[in-house]
Amino acid sequence: IAGVVLAAFLSNTVFSSKLSSEALAAARAGAQDAIIKIIRYKNCNASSCGGVVPYTITVGSRSTALVSLVDNLNNTLTVSSEGTALLTRKKKVQAVVGVDPNSGKISILSFGEVPL
């Protein structure tokens, strides 16, 4: 019985770790998708960026990312992407993107995981 319990515990730990990795990958994919939209649409802002914002993308068969934008006052946009795997594991990635209003040139000021 102890062996079965130990095997179930180890299996659950490995599966949980894999789901966390999938949630992080989905969150990163959502943030990268938003950055691509910012590049494509010069007048991208928090209310519209080539479609409705916030939006959801599906990554793989069991992960999604909810992507939103916040228009800052200093010519920057904050991209937030919350990845979810099997509705149980969630990770969040945030990126700050600088946008030159004259040339449309963008620069990624920060990109990384943030706590939920």
C-alpha atoms as a PDB file:
ATOM      1  CA  ILE A   1       0.000   0.000   0.000  1.00  0.00           C
ATOM      2  CA  ALA A   2       2.836   2.403   0.851  1.00  0.00           C
ATOM      3  CA  GLY A   3       4.401   1.774  -2.548  1.00  0.00           C
ATOM      4  CA  VAL A   4       1.152   2.593  -4.346  1.00  0.00           C
ATOM      5  CA  VAL A   5       0.696   5.782  -2.322  1.00  0.00           C
ATOM      6  CA  LEU A   6       4.304   6.829  -2.981  1.00  0.00           C
ATOM      7  CA  ALA A   7       3.978   6.109  -6.709  1.00  0.00           C
ATOM      8  CA  ALA A   8       0.718   8.097  -6.890  1.00  0.00           C
ATOM      9  CA  PHE A   9       2.339  11.007  -5.040  1.00  0.00           C
ATOM     10  CA  LEU A  10       5.357  11.080  -7.358  1.00  0.00           C
ATOM     11  CA  SER A  11       3.166  10.791 -10.441  1.00  0.00           C
ATOM     12  CA  ASN A  12       0.978  13.669  -9.234  1.00  0.00           C
ATOM     13  CA  THR A  13       4.073  15.825  -8.543  1.00  0.00           C
ATOM     14  CA  VAL A  14       5.490  15.226 -12.023  1.00  0.00           C
ATOM     15  CA  PHE A  15       2.110  15.915 -13.657  1.00  0.00           C
ATOM     16  CA  SER A  16       1.656  19.092 -11.594  1.00  0.00           C
ATOM     17  CA  SER A  17       5.096  20.325 -12.645  1.00  0.00           C
ATOM     18  CA  LYS A  18       4.285  19.641 -16.296  1.00  0.00           C
ATOM     19  CA  LEU A  19       1.005  21.555 -16.041  1.00  0.00           C
ATOM     20  CA  SER A  20       2.812  24.528 -14.478  1.00  0.00           C
ATOM     21  CA  SER A  21       5.276  24.521 -17.369  1.00  0.00           C
ATOM     22  CA  GLU A  22       2.419  24.399 -19.872  1.00  0.00           C
ATOM     23  CA  ALA A  23       0.657  27.303 -18.148  1.00  0.00           C
ATOM     24  CA  LEU A  24       3.861  29.371 -18.265  1.00  0.00           C
ATOM     25  CA  ALA A  25       4.379  28.521 -21.938  1.00  0.00           C
ATOM     26  CA  ALA A  26       0.795  29.573 -22.705  1.00  0.00           C
ATOM     27  CA  ALA A  27       1.276  32.857 -20.833  1.00  0.00           C
ATOM     28  CA  ARG A  28       4.496  33.578 -22.747  1.00  0.00           C
ATOM     29  CA  ALA A  29       2.784  32.752 -26.057  1.00  0.00           C
ATOM     30  CA  GLY A  30      -0.060  35.136 -25.238  1.00  0.00           C
ATOM     31  CA  ALA A  31       2.344  37.969 -24.412  1.00  0.00           C
ATOM     32  CA  GLN A  32       4.328  37.349 -27.583  1.00  0.00           C
ATOM     33  CA  ASP A  33       1.107  37.332 -29.625  1.00  0.00           C
ATOM     34  CA  ALA A  34       0.149  40.722 -28.180  1.00  0.00           C
ATOM     35  CA  ILE A  35       3.608  42.128 -28.980  1.00  0.00           C
ATOM     36  CA  ILE A  36       3.213  40.972 -32.584  1.00  0.00           C
ATOM     37  CA  LYS A  37      -0.170  42.730 -32.743  1.00  0.00           C
ATOM     38  CA  ILE A  38       1.405  45.912 -31.369  1.00  0.00           C
ATOM     39  CA  ILE A  39       4.024  45.726 -34.123  1.00  0.00           C
ATOM     40  CA  ARG A  40       1.409  45.137 -36.856  1.00  0.00           C
ATOM     41  CA  TYR A  41      -1.064  47.819 -35.771  1.00  0.00           C
ATOM     42  CA  LYS A  42       0.691  51.165 -35.363  1.00  0.00           C
ATOM     43  CA  ASN A  43      -2.188  52.760 -33.429  1.00  0.00           C
ATOM     44  CA  CYS A  44      -2.583  49.811 -31.082  1.00  0.00           C
ATOM     45  CA  ASN A  45      -4.046  50.746 -27.703  1.00  0.00           C
ATOM     46  CA  ALA A  46      -5.741  49.129 -24.722  1.00  0.00           C
ATOM     47  CA  SER A  47      -9.210  49.204 -26.291  1.00  0.00           C
ATOM     48  CA  SER A  48      -8.345  47.844 -29.744  1.00  0.00           C
ATOM     49  CA  CYS A  49      -5.318  46.186 -31.215  1.00  0.00           C
ATOM     50  CA  GLY A  50      -6.376  44.444 -34.387  1.00  0.00           C
ATOM     51  CA  GLY A  51      -9.437  43.059 -32.627  1.00  0.00           C
ATOM     52  CA  VAL A  52     -11.153  43.029 -29.263  1.00  0.00           C
ATOM     53  CA  VAL A  53      -8.966  43.410 -26.159  1.00  0.00           C
ATOM     54  CA  PRO A  54      -8.821  41.461 -23.843  1.00  0.00           C
ATOM     55  CA  TYR A  55      -8.797  38.264 -25.856  1.00  0.00           C
ATOM     56  CA  THR A  56      -8.108  34.572 -25.343  1.00  0.00           C
ATOM     57  CA  ILE A  57      -5.864  32.288 -27.377  1.00  0.00           C
ATOM     58  CA  THR A  58      -5.639  28.512 -27.227  1.00  0.00           C
ATOM     59  CA  VAL A  59      -2.177  27.003 -26.919  1.00  0.00           C
ATOM     60  CA  GLY A  60      -2.050  23.261 -27.501  1.00  0.00           C
ATOM     61  CA  SER A  61      -4.921  21.031 -26.500  1.00  0.00           C
ATOM     62  CA  ARG A  62      -5.324  21.964 -22.839  1.00  0.00           C
ATOM     63  CA  SER A  63      -3.876  25.445 -22.303  1.00  0.00           C
ATOM     64  CA  THR A  64      -5.212  28.949 -22.878  1.00  0.00           C
ATOM     65  CA  ALA A  65      -3.965  32.482 -22.360  1.00  0.00           C
ATOM     66  CA  LEU A  66      -6.049  35.532 -21.464  1.00  0.00           C
ATOM     67  CA  VAL A  67      -4.275  38.579 -22.899  1.00  0.00           C
ATOM     68  CA  SER A  68      -4.935  42.199 -21.948  1.00  0.00           C
ATOM     69  CA  LEU A  69      -3.316  45.571 -22.594  1.00  0.00           C
ATOM     70  CA  VAL A  70      -2.998  48.661 -20.416  1.00  0.00           C
ATOM     71  CA  ASP A  71      -2.219  51.972 -22.090  1.00  0.00           C
ATOM     72  CA  ASN A  72       0.274  53.848 -19.896  1.00  0.00           C
ATOM     73  CA  LEU A  73       0.691  57.618 -20.039  1.00  0.00           C
ATOM     74  CA  ASN A  74       4.350  57.608 -21.104  1.00  0.00           C
ATOM     75  CA  ASN A  75       4.040  56.039 -24.591  1.00  0.00           C
ATOM     76  CA  THR A  76       4.196  52.507 -23.229  1.00  0.00           C
ATOM     77  CA  LEU A  77       1.791  49.603 -23.211  1.00  0.00           C
ATOM     78  CA  THR A  78       1.701  46.945 -20.512  1.00  0.00           C
ATOM     79  CA  VAL A  79       0.842  43.493 -21.816  1.00  0.00           C
ATOM     80  CA  SER A  80      -0.516  40.992 -19.282  1.00  0.00           C
ATOM     81  CA  SER A  81      -1.029  37.368 -20.197  1.00  0.00           C
ATOM     82  CA  GLU A  82      -2.416  34.775 -17.799  1.00  0.00           C
ATOM     83  CA  GLY A  83      -1.818  31.192 -18.916  1.00  0.00           C
ATOM     84  CA  THR A  84      -3.998  28.360 -17.647  1.00  0.00           C
ATOM     85  CA  ALA A  85      -3.442  24.620 -18.049  1.00  0.00           C
ATOM     86  CA  LEU A  86      -6.373  22.264 -17.394  1.00  0.00           C
ATOM     87  CA  LEU A  87      -8.101  24.963 -15.312  1.00  0.00           C
ATOM     88  CA  THR A  88      -5.852  24.088 -12.351  1.00  0.00           C
ATOM     89  CA  ARG A  89      -2.465  25.702 -12.946  1.00  0.00           C
ATOM     90  CA  LYS A  90      -2.065  29.406 -13.696  1.00  0.00           C
ATOM     91  CA  LYS A  91       0.972  31.529 -14.522  1.00  0.00           C
ATOM     92  CA  LYS A  92       1.207  35.193 -15.479  1.00  0.00           C
ATOM     93  CA  VAL A  93       3.650  36.990 -17.779  1.00  0.00           C
ATOM     94  CA  GLN A  94       3.869  40.741 -18.065  1.00  0.00           C
ATOM     95  CA  ALA A  95       5.692  42.836 -20.667  1.00  0.00           C
ATOM     96  CA  VAL A  96       6.160  46.581 -20.931  1.00  0.00           C
ATOM     97  CA  VAL A  97       6.495  47.762 -24.523  1.00  0.00           C
ATOM     98  CA  GLY A  98       7.624  51.253 -25.479  1.00  0.00           C
ATOM     99  CA  VAL A  99       6.017  52.713 -28.596  1.00  0.00           C
ATOM    100  CA  ASP A 100       7.388  55.736 -30.453  1.00  0.00           C
ATOM    101  CA  PRO A 101       4.277  57.654 -31.569  1.00  0.00           C
ATOM    102  CA  ASN A 102       6.049  59.225 -34.571  1.00  0.00           C
ATOM    103  CA  SER A 103       7.918  56.324 -36.132  1.00  0.00           C
ATOM    104  CA  GLY A 104       5.918  53.410 -34.704  1.00  0.00           C
ATOM    105  CA  LYS A 105       9.138  51.778 -33.505  1.00  0.00           C
ATOM    106  CA  ILE A 106       8.645  49.542 -30.486  1.00  0.00           C
ATOM    107  CA  SER A 107      11.071  48.430 -27.827  1.00  0.00           C
ATOM    108  CA  ILE A 108      10.497  45.766 -25.210  1.00  0.00           C
ATOM    109  CA  LEU A 109      11.382  47.363 -21.886  1.00  0.00           C
ATOM    110  CA  SER A 110      10.643  44.330 -19.726  1.00  0.00           C
ATOM    111  CA  PHE A 111       9.321  40.807 -20.194  1.00  0.00           C
ATOM    112  CA  GLY A 112       8.932  38.225 -17.448  1.00  0.00           C
ATOM    113  CA  GLU A 113       6.828  36.140 -15.128  1.00  0.00           C
ATOM    114  CA  VAL A 114       5.024  37.953 -12.328  1.00  0.00           C
ATOM    115  CA  PRO A 115       3.191  36.518  -9.328  1.00  0.00           C
ATOM    116  CA  LEU A 116      -0.584  36.075  -9.572  1.00  0.00           C
END
